Amino acid sequence: MFFLRKHDILIGAPPEAVFDYVCNPHSWPEWLAASHKIEGPDRALELGQTFREEWQIRRGVIALHWKVTESNRPGAWTCEADTDFIGPIVIRYTFEKEGGDTRYTRQLSNPKRPSEPTEDQLDRMDEEARVGLANIKRQVEQRAVAFNSTLQPR
């Protein structure tokens, strides 16, 4: 079955700042509870680049091997990993300017999921997304404030 879940948040920073933060997988452990270790370049990744992520879930530690399949700064970014337990995982981020802010949307899909998620699984996904998006918002807005303060004359 095809599974898709979307979550979004308004962040008080330009799309480039949000893109540069979330498209660098090394930021993921700062905002995503399941993400524990990243191996790969420490910057926003470009089309075709790969990285390895260790995920801590109920089953234990799982290694995911990701490949960036779309990188259009600052509008959209997509990466994919194949798994033996749920099939391919596709994560797509979009960044839309809203005034001086950015509407950041995180879309998770499993195009070949073997079964529908349970209500409990959906609730956990939604809660993890809510916490993750709030963490992203806090991190990016704090960095924007720090950056802007260095630009102010003294």
N, C-alpha and C. Protein backbone atom coordinates (compact mmCIF):
# COMPACT_ATOMS: atom_id res chain seq x y z
N MET A 1 0.83 -1.19 0.00
CA MET A 1 0.00 0.00 0.00
C MET A 1 0.87 1.24 0.00
N PHE A 2 0.35 2.33 -0.56
CA PHE A 2 1.05 3.60 -0.53
C PHE A 2 0.64 4.36 0.72
N PHE A 3 1.64 4.80 1.51
CA PHE A 3 1.39 5.54 2.74
C PHE A 3 2.04 6.92 2.63
N LEU A 4 1.31 7.95 3.08
CA LEU A 4 1.82 9.32 3.04
C LEU A 4 1.35 10.08 4.28
N ARG A 5 2.27 10.80 4.89
CA ARG A 5 1.93 11.64 6.05
C ARG A 5 2.67 12.96 5.90
N LYS A 6 1.96 14.09 6.08
CA LYS A 6 2.56 15.42 5.97
C LYS A 6 2.35 16.20 7.26
N HIS A 7 3.38 16.99 7.60
CA HIS A 7 3.31 17.89 8.75
C HIS A 7 4.02 19.18 8.36
N ASP A 8 3.55 20.31 8.89
CA ASP A 8 4.21 21.57 8.55
C ASP A 8 4.20 22.52 9.73
N ILE A 9 5.05 23.56 9.61
CA ILE A 9 5.17 24.57 10.65
C ILE A 9 5.68 25.86 10.01
N LEU A 10 5.30 26.99 10.58
CA LEU A 10 5.79 28.29 10.13
C LEU A 10 7.01 28.66 10.97
N ILE A 11 8.11 28.97 10.27
CA ILE A 11 9.38 29.27 10.94
C ILE A 11 9.79 30.70 10.61
N GLY A 12 10.18 31.44 11.62
CA GLY A 12 10.57 32.84 11.46
C GLY A 12 11.99 32.99 10.93
N ALA A 13 12.20 32.55 9.72
CA ALA A 13 13.52 32.64 9.07
C ALA A 13 13.29 32.47 7.57
N PRO A 14 14.25 32.92 6.74
CA PRO A 14 14.09 32.75 5.30
C PRO A 14 14.23 31.27 4.89
N PRO A 15 13.65 30.90 3.74
CA PRO A 15 13.71 29.51 3.29
C PRO A 15 15.14 28.95 3.21
N GLU A 16 16.11 29.77 2.81
CA GLU A 16 17.49 29.30 2.70
C GLU A 16 18.03 28.83 4.05
N ALA A 17 17.69 29.53 5.13
CA ALA A 17 18.17 29.16 6.46
C ALA A 17 17.55 27.84 6.92
N VAL A 18 16.26 27.67 6.65
CA VAL A 18 15.59 26.43 7.02
C VAL A 18 16.15 25.28 6.19
N PHE A 19 16.28 25.49 4.88
CA PHE A 19 16.82 24.48 3.97
C PHE A 19 18.21 24.03 4.44
N ASP A 20 19.10 24.99 4.66
CA ASP A 20 20.47 24.67 5.02
C ASP A 20 20.55 23.88 6.32
N TYR A 21 19.62 24.11 7.23
CA TYR A 21 19.62 23.38 8.50
C TYR A 21 19.06 21.96 8.33
N VAL A 22 17.84 21.83 7.84
CA VAL A 22 17.22 20.49 7.82
C VAL A 22 17.76 19.57 6.73
N CYS A 23 18.35 20.13 5.67
CA CYS A 23 18.90 19.29 4.59
C CYS A 23 20.33 18.87 4.87
N ASN A 24 20.84 19.25 6.04
CA ASN A 24 22.11 18.72 6.55
C ASN A 24 21.73 17.61 7.52
N PRO A 25 21.88 16.34 7.13
CA PRO A 25 21.47 15.25 8.01
C PRO A 25 22.13 15.27 9.38
N HIS A 26 23.28 15.92 9.52
CA HIS A 26 23.91 16.01 10.84
C HIS A 26 23.07 16.80 11.83
N SER A 27 22.10 17.60 11.33
CA SER A 27 21.19 18.31 12.24
C SER A 27 20.09 17.38 12.77
N TRP A 28 19.84 16.29 12.09
CA TRP A 28 18.69 15.45 12.43
C TRP A 28 18.67 14.98 13.89
N PRO A 29 19.79 14.52 14.46
CA PRO A 29 19.73 14.11 15.87
C PRO A 29 19.36 15.25 16.83
N GLU A 30 19.51 16.50 16.40
CA GLU A 30 19.12 17.64 17.24
C GLU A 30 17.60 17.79 17.33
N TRP A 31 16.88 17.27 16.34
CA TRP A 31 15.44 17.51 16.34
C TRP A 31 14.61 16.26 16.15
N LEU A 32 15.20 15.15 15.78
CA LEU A 32 14.47 13.92 15.51
C LEU A 32 14.90 12.85 16.51
N ALA A 33 14.00 12.47 17.41
CA ALA A 33 14.34 11.57 18.51
C ALA A 33 14.92 10.23 18.05
N ALA A 34 14.44 9.67 16.95
CA ALA A 34 14.90 8.35 16.50
C ALA A 34 16.29 8.40 15.88
N SER A 35 16.72 9.55 15.42
CA SER A 35 18.01 9.68 14.73
C SER A 35 19.14 9.83 15.74
N HIS A 36 20.12 8.92 15.66
CA HIS A 36 21.19 8.93 16.66
C HIS A 36 22.59 9.16 16.12
N LYS A 37 22.85 8.74 14.91
CA LYS A 37 24.20 8.88 14.37
C LYS A 37 24.11 9.07 12.86
N ILE A 38 24.86 10.03 12.36
CA ILE A 38 24.90 10.31 10.92
C ILE A 38 26.34 10.16 10.44
N GLU A 39 26.50 9.49 9.31
CA GLU A 39 27.80 9.40 8.65
C GLU A 39 27.63 9.95 7.25
N GLY A 40 28.41 10.95 6.93
CA GLY A 40 28.34 11.60 5.62
C GLY A 40 28.75 13.05 5.74
N PRO A 41 28.70 13.80 4.66
CA PRO A 41 29.09 15.22 4.69
C PRO A 41 28.26 16.01 5.70
N ASP A 42 28.90 16.96 6.36
CA ASP A 42 28.25 17.79 7.38
C ASP A 42 27.85 19.13 6.76
N ARG A 43 26.83 19.07 5.91
CA ARG A 43 26.29 20.27 5.25
C ARG A 43 25.01 19.85 4.53
N ALA A 44 24.27 20.81 4.01
CA ALA A 44 23.09 20.48 3.21
C ALA A 44 23.56 19.68 2.00
N LEU A 45 22.93 18.53 1.79
CA LEU A 45 23.41 17.63 0.74
C LEU A 45 22.74 17.91 -0.60
N GLU A 46 23.49 17.60 -1.65
CA GLU A 46 23.05 17.86 -3.02
C GLU A 46 22.61 16.57 -3.69
N LEU A 47 21.98 16.72 -4.83
CA LEU A 47 21.48 15.61 -5.62
C LEU A 47 22.55 14.53 -5.81
N GLY A 48 22.17 13.28 -5.51
CA GLY A 48 23.05 12.14 -5.71
C GLY A 48 23.93 11.79 -4.53
N GLN A 49 24.06 12.71 -3.55
CA GLN A 49 24.90 12.41 -2.39
C GLN A 49 24.21 11.41 -1.48
N THR A 50 25.01 10.67 -0.70
CA THR A 50 24.49 9.64 0.19
C THR A 50 24.96 9.88 1.61
N PHE A 51 24.23 9.29 2.56
CA PHE A 51 24.61 9.32 3.95
C PHE A 51 23.99 8.13 4.66
N ARG A 52 24.54 7.81 5.81
CA ARG A 52 24.06 6.69 6.62
C ARG A 52 23.53 7.25 7.93
N GLU A 53 22.39 6.74 8.35
CA GLU A 53 21.77 7.18 9.61
C GLU A 53 21.49 5.96 10.47
N GLU A 54 21.75 6.09 11.78
CA GLU A 54 21.34 5.06 12.72
C GLU A 54 20.09 5.55 13.42
N TRP A 55 19.07 4.73 13.35
CA TRP A 55 17.76 5.00 13.94
C TRP A 55 17.56 4.13 15.15
N GLN A 56 17.12 4.67 16.24
CA GLN A 56 16.77 3.89 17.43
C GLN A 56 15.26 3.81 17.49
N ILE A 57 14.73 2.61 17.27
CA ILE A 57 13.28 2.40 17.34
C ILE A 57 13.00 1.23 18.28
N ARG A 58 11.75 0.87 18.42
CA ARG A 58 11.37 -0.21 19.34
C ARG A 58 12.10 -1.52 19.05
N ARG A 59 12.40 -1.77 17.79
CA ARG A 59 13.11 -3.01 17.40
C ARG A 59 14.59 -2.96 17.72
N GLY A 60 15.11 -1.80 18.06
CA GLY A 60 16.54 -1.64 18.30
C GLY A 60 17.12 -0.61 17.35
N VAL A 61 18.42 -0.76 17.07
CA VAL A 61 19.10 0.17 16.18
C VAL A 61 19.04 -0.35 14.75
N ILE A 62 18.64 0.53 13.84
CA ILE A 62 18.54 0.19 12.43
C ILE A 62 19.40 1.18 11.65
N ALA A 63 20.17 0.66 10.70
CA ALA A 63 20.98 1.52 9.84
C ALA A 63 20.21 1.78 8.56
N LEU A 64 20.06 3.05 8.21
CA LEU A 64 19.41 3.45 6.97
C LEU A 64 20.43 4.09 6.05
N HIS A 65 20.43 3.70 4.80
CA HIS A 65 21.33 4.24 3.79
C HIS A 65 20.51 5.12 2.85
N TRP A 66 20.71 6.42 2.95
CA TRP A 66 19.91 7.41 2.23
C TRP A 66 20.64 7.90 0.99
N LYS A 67 19.84 8.28 -0.01
CA LYS A 67 20.37 8.94 -1.21
C LYS A 67 19.48 10.15 -1.50
N VAL A 68 20.12 11.28 -1.76
CA VAL A 68 19.38 12.51 -2.08
C VAL A 68 18.93 12.39 -3.54
N THR A 69 17.61 12.48 -3.75
CA THR A 69 17.04 12.33 -5.09
C THR A 69 16.49 13.64 -5.65
N GLU A 70 16.50 14.69 -4.81
CA GLU A 70 16.08 16.02 -5.25
C GLU A 70 16.75 17.04 -4.33
N SER A 71 17.31 18.08 -4.92
CA SER A 71 17.90 19.15 -4.13
C SER A 71 17.80 20.45 -4.92
N ASN A 72 16.76 21.21 -4.64
CA ASN A 72 16.51 22.48 -5.31
C ASN A 72 16.42 23.58 -4.26
N ARG A 73 17.59 24.04 -3.79
CA ARG A 73 17.64 25.08 -2.76
C ARG A 73 17.07 26.38 -3.31
N PRO A 74 16.17 27.03 -2.60
CA PRO A 74 15.65 26.71 -1.29
C PRO A 74 14.23 26.13 -1.32
N GLY A 75 13.81 25.55 -2.45
CA GLY A 75 12.41 25.14 -2.57
C GLY A 75 12.05 23.74 -2.12
N ALA A 76 12.90 22.74 -2.42
CA ALA A 76 12.52 21.36 -2.10
C ALA A 76 13.75 20.47 -2.01
N TRP A 77 13.61 19.39 -1.23
CA TRP A 77 14.70 18.43 -1.03
C TRP A 77 14.07 17.09 -0.72
N THR A 78 14.58 16.03 -1.34
CA THR A 78 14.03 14.68 -1.13
C THR A 78 15.17 13.70 -0.96
N CYS A 79 14.99 12.73 -0.06
CA CYS A 79 15.94 11.62 0.06
C CYS A 79 15.16 10.33 0.23
N GLU A 80 15.80 9.23 -0.14
CA GLU A 80 15.16 7.91 -0.10
C GLU A 80 16.08 6.88 0.51
N ALA A 81 15.49 5.95 1.24
CA ALA A 81 16.22 4.80 1.79
C ALA A 81 15.36 3.56 1.58
N ASP A 82 16.01 2.46 1.28
CA ASP A 82 15.28 1.20 1.14
C ASP A 82 15.46 0.41 2.43
N THR A 83 14.40 -0.23 2.90
CA THR A 83 14.48 -1.03 4.12
C THR A 83 13.87 -2.39 3.86
N ASP A 84 14.27 -3.36 4.68
CA ASP A 84 13.69 -4.69 4.55
C ASP A 84 12.46 -4.85 5.44
N PHE A 85 12.21 -3.90 6.34
CA PHE A 85 11.07 -4.04 7.25
C PHE A 85 9.84 -3.27 6.82
N ILE A 86 9.98 -2.24 5.97
CA ILE A 86 8.82 -1.43 5.59
C ILE A 86 8.87 -1.02 4.12
N GLY A 87 9.90 -1.44 3.41
CA GLY A 87 10.06 -1.03 2.03
C GLY A 87 10.72 0.33 1.96
N PRO A 88 10.67 0.97 0.80
CA PRO A 88 11.32 2.28 0.65
C PRO A 88 10.68 3.33 1.56
N ILE A 89 11.54 4.20 2.07
CA ILE A 89 11.10 5.38 2.83
C ILE A 89 11.53 6.59 2.02
N VAL A 90 10.59 7.50 1.78
CA VAL A 90 10.89 8.72 1.03
C VAL A 90 10.53 9.91 1.93
N ILE A 91 11.50 10.79 2.12
CA ILE A 91 11.25 12.00 2.91
C ILE A 91 11.42 13.19 1.96
N ARG A 92 10.41 14.05 1.93
CA ARG A 92 10.48 15.24 1.08
C ARG A 92 10.21 16.47 1.94
N TYR A 93 11.07 17.47 1.80
CA TYR A 93 10.91 18.74 2.49
C TYR A 93 10.60 19.81 1.45
N THR A 94 9.65 20.69 1.78
CA THR A 94 9.40 21.86 0.94
C THR A 94 9.46 23.11 1.82
N PHE A 95 9.80 24.23 1.17
CA PHE A 95 10.05 25.49 1.86
C PHE A 95 9.36 26.59 1.07
N GLU A 96 8.28 27.16 1.64
CA GLU A 96 7.54 28.22 0.95
C GLU A 96 7.62 29.50 1.75
N LYS A 97 8.01 30.57 1.07
CA LYS A 97 8.11 31.88 1.71
C LYS A 97 6.70 32.40 2.02
N GLU A 98 6.49 32.82 3.25
CA GLU A 98 5.23 33.45 3.68
C GLU A 98 5.61 34.72 4.41
N GLY A 99 5.57 35.84 3.69
CA GLY A 99 6.04 37.10 4.26
C GLY A 99 7.52 36.98 4.54
N GLY A 100 7.93 37.24 5.78
CA GLY A 100 9.33 37.08 6.17
C GLY A 100 9.63 35.73 6.77
N ASP A 101 8.65 34.83 6.74
CA ASP A 101 8.78 33.50 7.35
C ASP A 101 8.83 32.42 6.27
N THR A 102 8.96 31.17 6.73
CA THR A 102 8.98 30.02 5.84
C THR A 102 7.99 28.97 6.32
N ARG A 103 7.15 28.51 5.42
CA ARG A 103 6.28 27.37 5.69
C ARG A 103 7.09 26.13 5.32
N TYR A 104 7.53 25.40 6.35
CA TYR A 104 8.32 24.19 6.16
C TYR A 104 7.38 22.99 6.26
N THR A 105 7.40 22.14 5.24
CA THR A 105 6.57 20.94 5.23
C THR A 105 7.46 19.72 5.12
N ARG A 106 7.23 18.76 5.98
CA ARG A 106 7.94 17.48 5.96
C ARG A 106 6.94 16.41 5.56
N GLN A 107 7.25 15.72 4.48
CA GLN A 107 6.36 14.67 3.97
C GLN A 107 7.10 13.34 4.05
N LEU A 108 6.47 12.36 4.67
CA LEU A 108 7.02 11.01 4.78
C LEU A 108 6.13 10.07 3.99
N SER A 109 6.73 9.27 3.12
CA SER A 109 5.93 8.29 2.40
C SER A 109 6.64 6.95 2.35
N ASN A 110 5.83 5.93 2.27
CA ASN A 110 6.27 4.55 2.07
C ASN A 110 5.50 4.04 0.87
N PRO A 111 6.09 4.10 -0.33
CA PRO A 111 5.35 3.73 -1.53
C PRO A 111 4.99 2.25 -1.64
N LYS A 112 5.67 1.39 -0.88
CA LYS A 112 5.38 -0.05 -0.95
C LYS A 112 5.21 -0.65 0.44
N ARG A 113 4.58 0.09 1.32
CA ARG A 113 4.39 -0.38 2.69
C ARG A 113 3.61 -1.69 2.68
N PRO A 114 4.05 -2.69 3.45
CA PRO A 114 3.37 -3.98 3.41
C PRO A 114 1.98 -3.99 4.05
N SER A 115 1.73 -3.05 4.98
CA SER A 115 0.41 -3.00 5.63
C SER A 115 0.13 -1.59 6.12
N GLU A 116 -1.13 -1.33 6.41
CA GLU A 116 -1.51 -0.01 6.94
C GLU A 116 -0.96 0.15 8.35
N PRO A 117 -0.55 1.36 8.71
CA PRO A 117 -0.12 1.58 10.10
C PRO A 117 -1.34 1.54 11.03
N THR A 118 -1.08 1.14 12.26
CA THR A 118 -2.15 1.13 13.26
C THR A 118 -2.40 2.56 13.74
N GLU A 119 -3.50 2.77 14.42
CA GLU A 119 -3.79 4.09 15.00
C GLU A 119 -2.70 4.49 15.98
N ASP A 120 -2.19 3.53 16.75
CA ASP A 120 -1.12 3.82 17.69
C ASP A 120 0.13 4.29 16.95
N GLN A 121 0.48 3.62 15.84
CA GLN A 121 1.64 4.03 15.04
C GLN A 121 1.44 5.44 14.48
N LEU A 122 0.23 5.72 13.98
CA LEU A 122 -0.05 7.06 13.45
C LEU A 122 0.07 8.12 14.54
N ASP A 123 -0.46 7.81 15.72
CA ASP A 123 -0.37 8.75 16.84
C ASP A 123 1.09 9.03 17.20
N ARG A 124 1.92 7.97 17.23
CA ARG A 124 3.34 8.15 17.55
C ARG A 124 4.05 8.97 16.46
N MET A 125 3.74 8.69 15.18
CA MET A 125 4.33 9.46 14.08
C MET A 125 3.96 10.93 14.19
N ASP A 126 2.69 11.20 14.47
CA ASP A 126 2.24 12.59 14.58
C ASP A 126 2.89 13.30 15.76
N GLU A 127 3.03 12.61 16.88
CA GLU A 127 3.66 13.22 18.05
C GLU A 127 5.15 13.48 17.78
N GLU A 128 5.84 12.51 17.17
CA GLU A 128 7.25 12.70 16.84
C GLU A 128 7.41 13.87 15.87
N ALA A 129 6.50 14.00 14.92
CA ALA A 129 6.56 15.10 13.96
C ALA A 129 6.32 16.44 14.66
N ARG A 130 5.34 16.49 15.56
CA ARG A 130 5.05 17.73 16.29
C ARG A 130 6.27 18.18 17.08
N VAL A 131 6.89 17.26 17.80
CA VAL A 131 8.08 17.58 18.59
C VAL A 131 9.24 17.97 17.68
N GLY A 132 9.44 17.20 16.61
CA GLY A 132 10.53 17.48 15.68
C GLY A 132 10.41 18.85 15.03
N LEU A 133 9.20 19.18 14.56
CA LEU A 133 9.00 20.49 13.93
C LEU A 133 9.22 21.63 14.91
N ALA A 134 8.76 21.45 16.14
CA ALA A 134 8.99 22.48 17.16
C ALA A 134 10.48 22.64 17.44
N ASN A 135 11.22 21.53 17.44
CA ASN A 135 12.67 21.58 17.64
C ASN A 135 13.36 22.30 16.48
N ILE A 136 12.93 22.02 15.26
CA ILE A 136 13.50 22.69 14.08
C ILE A 136 13.25 24.20 14.17
N LYS A 137 12.01 24.55 14.47
CA LYS A 137 11.65 25.97 14.58
C LYS A 137 12.54 26.67 15.60
N ARG A 138 12.70 26.06 16.77
CA ARG A 138 13.52 26.65 17.83
C ARG A 138 14.98 26.79 17.38
N GLN A 139 15.54 25.73 16.81
CA GLN A 139 16.95 25.74 16.38
C GLN A 139 17.19 26.80 15.29
N VAL A 140 16.34 26.80 14.26
CA VAL A 140 16.55 27.73 13.14
C VAL A 140 16.33 29.17 13.59
N GLU A 141 15.29 29.43 14.37
CA GLU A 141 15.04 30.80 14.82
C GLU A 141 16.14 31.30 15.75
N GLN A 142 16.68 30.43 16.62
CA GLN A 142 17.79 30.84 17.48
C GLN A 142 19.02 31.17 16.66
N ARG A 143 19.29 30.37 15.63
CA ARG A 143 20.45 30.62 14.77
C ARG A 143 20.26 31.92 13.99
N ALA A 144 19.02 32.20 13.54
CA ALA A 144 18.75 33.43 12.79
C ALA A 144 18.95 34.64 13.68
N VAL A 145 18.51 34.57 14.94
CA VAL A 145 18.69 35.68 15.88
C VAL A 145 20.18 35.89 16.13
N ALA A 146 20.92 34.82 16.35
CA ALA A 146 22.37 34.93 16.59
C ALA A 146 23.07 35.52 15.38
N PHE A 147 22.70 35.06 14.18
CA PHE A 147 23.30 35.57 12.96
C PHE A 147 23.01 37.05 12.79
N ASN A 148 21.74 37.43 12.97
CA ASN A 148 21.35 38.84 12.80
C ASN A 148 22.03 39.74 13.83
N SER A 149 22.25 39.23 15.04
CA SER A 149 22.89 40.07 16.06
C SER A 149 24.35 40.33 15.71
N THR A 150 24.99 39.42 14.97
CA THR A 150 26.37 39.66 14.58
C THR A 150 26.46 40.71 13.46
N LEU A 151 25.33 40.95 12.77
CA LEU A 151 25.31 41.94 11.69
C LEU A 151 25.04 43.35 12.19
N GLN A 152 24.56 43.49 13.44
CA GLN A 152 24.22 44.79 13.98
C GLN A 152 25.48 45.59 14.34
N PRO A 153 25.52 46.87 13.98
CA PRO A 153 26.68 47.68 14.37
C PRO A 153 26.75 47.85 15.90
N ARG A 154 27.93 47.97 16.39
CA ARG A 154 28.09 48.09 17.86
C ARG A 154 28.50 49.47 18.25
